[in-house]
Amino acid sequence: MGNPFGNLGGIGNLGNMMKQVKKITEDIQKANEELNEARVEATSGGGMVRAVATGNGEILEVKIDPKVVDPDDVEMLEDLVTSAVREAIARANQMRAERMQQATGGLSLPGLF
């Protein structure tokens, strides 16, 4: 008769898989901590407006050179701020994607980040 417990070799594979999942989870957590500490910066208007964000896309500050403040053209200032903030977030998203790619070893894990 054959083995009534089936192929127990699969249990060892499951153990290895669980170790890999744990390592990936730890790497993702470490990457998120590093991204919270990382800073990206973007400017617009030739550096007149600057936005700084974390690697996770949280805007930390916006700096505006007083020379660009024109009460008669608020719309231009709004556009410059919007542009700098969007670029900072885009850079943060790119940094995050690259870091998560490293943390997961290239696995696609939708919904985890």
C-alpha atoms as a PDB file:
ATOM      1  CA  MET A   1       0.000   0.000   0.000  1.00  0.00           C
ATOM      2  CA  GLY A   2       1.027   3.544  -0.591  1.00  0.00           C
ATOM      3  CA  ASN A   3       1.647   6.186   2.005  1.00  0.00           C
ATOM      4  CA  PRO A   4      -1.740   7.041   3.598  1.00  0.00           C
ATOM      5  CA  PHE A   5      -0.504  10.579   4.331  1.00  0.00           C
ATOM      6  CA  GLY A   6       0.232  11.396   0.729  1.00  0.00           C
ATOM      7  CA  ASN A   7       3.324  13.333  -0.272  1.00  0.00           C
ATOM      8  CA  LEU A   8       4.678  14.869   2.928  1.00  0.00           C
ATOM      9  CA  GLY A   9       7.480  16.504   0.941  1.00  0.00           C
ATOM     10  CA  GLY A  10       4.986  19.278   0.192  1.00  0.00           C
ATOM     11  CA  ILE A  11       5.026  20.294   3.843  1.00  0.00           C
ATOM     12  CA  GLY A  12       8.721  21.143   3.597  1.00  0.00           C
ATOM     13  CA  ASN A  13       8.012  23.251   0.527  1.00  0.00           C
ATOM     14  CA  LEU A  14       5.233  25.010   2.417  1.00  0.00           C
ATOM     15  CA  GLY A  15       7.665  25.761   5.249  1.00  0.00           C
ATOM     16  CA  ASN A  16      10.149  27.266   2.793  1.00  0.00           C
ATOM     17  CA  MET A  17       7.401  29.302   1.162  1.00  0.00           C
ATOM     18  CA  MET A  18       6.279  30.636   4.540  1.00  0.00           C
ATOM     19  CA  LYS A  19       9.882  31.682   5.310  1.00  0.00           C
ATOM     20  CA  GLN A  20      10.028  33.515   1.985  1.00  0.00           C
ATOM     21  CA  VAL A  21       6.696  35.253   2.650  1.00  0.00           C
ATOM     22  CA  LYS A  22       7.932  36.312   6.094  1.00  0.00           C
ATOM     23  CA  LYS A  23      11.150  37.709   4.611  1.00  0.00           C
ATOM     24  CA  ILE A  24       9.259  39.613   1.918  1.00  0.00           C
ATOM     25  CA  THR A  25       6.885  41.007   4.557  1.00  0.00           C
ATOM     26  CA  GLU A  26       9.840  42.150   6.668  1.00  0.00           C
ATOM     27  CA  ASP A  27      11.534  43.675   3.606  1.00  0.00           C
ATOM     28  CA  ILE A  28       8.342  45.563   2.707  1.00  0.00           C
ATOM     29  CA  GLN A  29       8.043  46.892   6.256  1.00  0.00           C
ATOM     30  CA  LYS A  30      11.687  48.011   6.214  1.00  0.00           C
ATOM     31  CA  ALA A  31      11.196  49.633   2.809  1.00  0.00           C
ATOM     32  CA  ASN A  32       8.168  51.560   4.085  1.00  0.00           C
ATOM     33  CA  GLU A  33      10.161  52.801   7.071  1.00  0.00           C
ATOM     34  CA  GLU A  34      12.979  53.908   4.761  1.00  0.00           C
ATOM     35  CA  LEU A  35      10.493  55.629   2.442  1.00  0.00           C
ATOM     36  CA  ASN A  36       9.018  57.540   5.381  1.00  0.00           C
ATOM     37  CA  GLU A  37      12.505  58.886   6.102  1.00  0.00           C
ATOM     38  CA  ALA A  38      13.467  59.510   2.462  1.00  0.00           C
ATOM     39  CA  ARG A  39      12.913  62.930   0.927  1.00  0.00           C
ATOM     40  CA  VAL A  40      12.197  63.924  -2.660  1.00  0.00           C
ATOM     41  CA  GLU A  41      12.116  67.471  -3.939  1.00  0.00           C
ATOM     42  CA  ALA A  42      10.646  69.098  -7.002  1.00  0.00           C
ATOM     43  CA  THR A  43      10.637  72.672  -8.212  1.00  0.00           C
ATOM     44  CA  SER A  44       8.767  74.769 -10.719  1.00  0.00           C
ATOM     45  CA  GLY A  45       9.134  78.258 -12.085  1.00  0.00           C
ATOM     46  CA  GLY A  46      12.883  77.898 -12.362  1.00  0.00           C
ATOM     47  CA  GLY A  47      13.162  76.983  -8.691  1.00  0.00           C
ATOM     48  CA  MET A  48      10.822  79.703  -7.466  1.00  0.00           C
ATOM     49  CA  VAL A  49       8.466  77.113  -5.950  1.00  0.00           C
ATOM     50  CA  ARG A  50       9.781  74.013  -4.195  1.00  0.00           C
ATOM     51  CA  ALA A  51       7.858  71.037  -2.806  1.00  0.00           C
ATOM     52  CA  VAL A  52       9.348  68.373  -0.533  1.00  0.00           C
ATOM     53  CA  ALA A  53       7.718  64.994   0.082  1.00  0.00           C
ATOM     54  CA  THR A  54       8.539  61.734   1.818  1.00  0.00           C
ATOM     55  CA  GLY A  55       9.246  58.665  -0.262  1.00  0.00           C
ATOM     56  CA  ASN A  56       5.670  57.635   0.510  1.00  0.00           C
ATOM     57  CA  GLY A  57       4.281  60.805  -1.102  1.00  0.00           C
ATOM     58  CA  GLU A  58       3.421  62.851   1.981  1.00  0.00           C
ATOM     59  CA  ILE A  59       4.006  66.527   1.236  1.00  0.00           C
ATOM     60  CA  LEU A  60       6.170  67.957   4.002  1.00  0.00           C
ATOM     61  CA  GLU A  61       6.681  71.511   2.838  1.00  0.00           C
ATOM     62  CA  VAL A  62       6.141  73.983   0.063  1.00  0.00           C
ATOM     63  CA  LYS A  63       8.484  76.954  -0.251  1.00  0.00           C
ATOM     64  CA  ILE A  64       7.662  79.979  -2.396  1.00  0.00           C
ATOM     65  CA  ASP A  65      10.184  82.627  -3.344  1.00  0.00           C
ATOM     66  CA  PRO A  66       8.597  86.024  -2.556  1.00  0.00           C
ATOM     67  CA  LYS A  67       9.631  87.258  -6.018  1.00  0.00           C
ATOM     68  CA  VAL A  68       7.037  84.999  -7.636  1.00  0.00           C
ATOM     69  CA  VAL A  69       4.172  86.343  -5.508  1.00  0.00           C
ATOM     70  CA  ASP A  70       2.152  88.733  -7.656  1.00  0.00           C
ATOM     71  CA  PRO A  71      -1.253  89.720  -6.269  1.00  0.00           C
ATOM     72  CA  ASP A  72      -2.365  90.462  -9.821  1.00  0.00           C
ATOM     73  CA  ASP A  73      -1.497  86.954 -11.036  1.00  0.00           C
ATOM     74  CA  VAL A  74      -2.468  84.503  -8.298  1.00  0.00           C
ATOM     75  CA  GLU A  75      -3.362  81.926 -10.937  1.00  0.00           C
ATOM     76  CA  MET A  76       0.271  81.646 -12.047  1.00  0.00           C
ATOM     77  CA  LEU A  77       1.382  81.010  -8.459  1.00  0.00           C
ATOM     78  CA  GLU A  78      -1.320  78.378  -8.039  1.00  0.00           C
ATOM     79  CA  ASP A  79      -0.129  76.657 -11.209  1.00  0.00           C
ATOM     80  CA  LEU A  80       3.495  76.698 -10.019  1.00  0.00           C
ATOM     81  CA  VAL A  81       2.564  75.230  -6.642  1.00  0.00           C
ATOM     82  CA  THR A  82       0.395  72.564  -8.246  1.00  0.00           C
ATOM     83  CA  SER A  83       3.173  71.662 -10.656  1.00  0.00           C
ATOM     84  CA  ALA A  84       5.826  71.344  -7.951  1.00  0.00           C
ATOM     85  CA  VAL A  85       3.562  69.270  -5.700  1.00  0.00           C
ATOM     86  CA  ARG A  86       2.548  66.931  -8.528  1.00  0.00           C
ATOM     87  CA  GLU A  87       6.170  66.403  -9.512  1.00  0.00           C
ATOM     88  CA  ALA A  88       7.206  65.706  -5.895  1.00  0.00           C
ATOM     89  CA  ILE A  89       4.436  63.111  -5.577  1.00  0.00           C
ATOM     90  CA  ALA A  90       5.394  61.543  -8.925  1.00  0.00           C
ATOM     91  CA  ARG A  91       9.020  61.266  -7.794  1.00  0.00           C
ATOM     92  CA  ALA A  92       7.923  59.755  -4.483  1.00  0.00           C
ATOM     93  CA  ASN A  93       5.727  57.227  -6.315  1.00  0.00           C
ATOM     94  CA  GLN A  94       8.641  56.273  -8.570  1.00  0.00           C
ATOM     95  CA  MET A  95      10.965  55.896  -5.564  1.00  0.00           C
ATOM     96  CA  ARG A  96       8.352  53.783  -3.779  1.00  0.00           C
ATOM     97  CA  ALA A  97       7.773  51.543  -6.811  1.00  0.00           C
ATOM     98  CA  GLU A  98      11.507  50.945  -7.210  1.00  0.00           C
ATOM     99  CA  ARG A  99      11.996  50.224  -3.515  1.00  0.00           C
ATOM    100  CA  MET A 100       9.041  47.843  -3.379  1.00  0.00           C
ATOM    101  CA  GLN A 101      10.304  46.091  -6.501  1.00  0.00           C
ATOM    102  CA  GLN A 102      13.557  45.457  -4.631  1.00  0.00           C
ATOM    103  CA  ALA A 103      11.767  44.379  -1.436  1.00  0.00           C
ATOM    104  CA  THR A 104       9.561  41.847  -3.216  1.00  0.00           C
ATOM    105  CA  GLY A 105      12.235  40.538  -5.532  1.00  0.00           C
ATOM    106  CA  GLY A 106      10.161  41.626  -8.517  1.00  0.00           C
ATOM    107  CA  LEU A 107       6.983  39.823  -7.468  1.00  0.00           C
ATOM    108  CA  SER A 108       3.761  41.585  -8.309  1.00  0.00           C
ATOM    109  CA  LEU A 109       1.734  41.723  -5.100  1.00  0.00           C
ATOM    110  CA  PRO A 110      -1.344  43.863  -5.811  1.00  0.00           C
ATOM    111  CA  GLY A 111      -2.873  45.552  -2.815  1.00  0.00           C
ATOM    112  CA  LEU A 112       0.193  45.305  -0.591  1.00  0.00           C
ATOM    113  CA  PHE A 113       1.517  48.736  -1.517  1.00  0.00           C
END
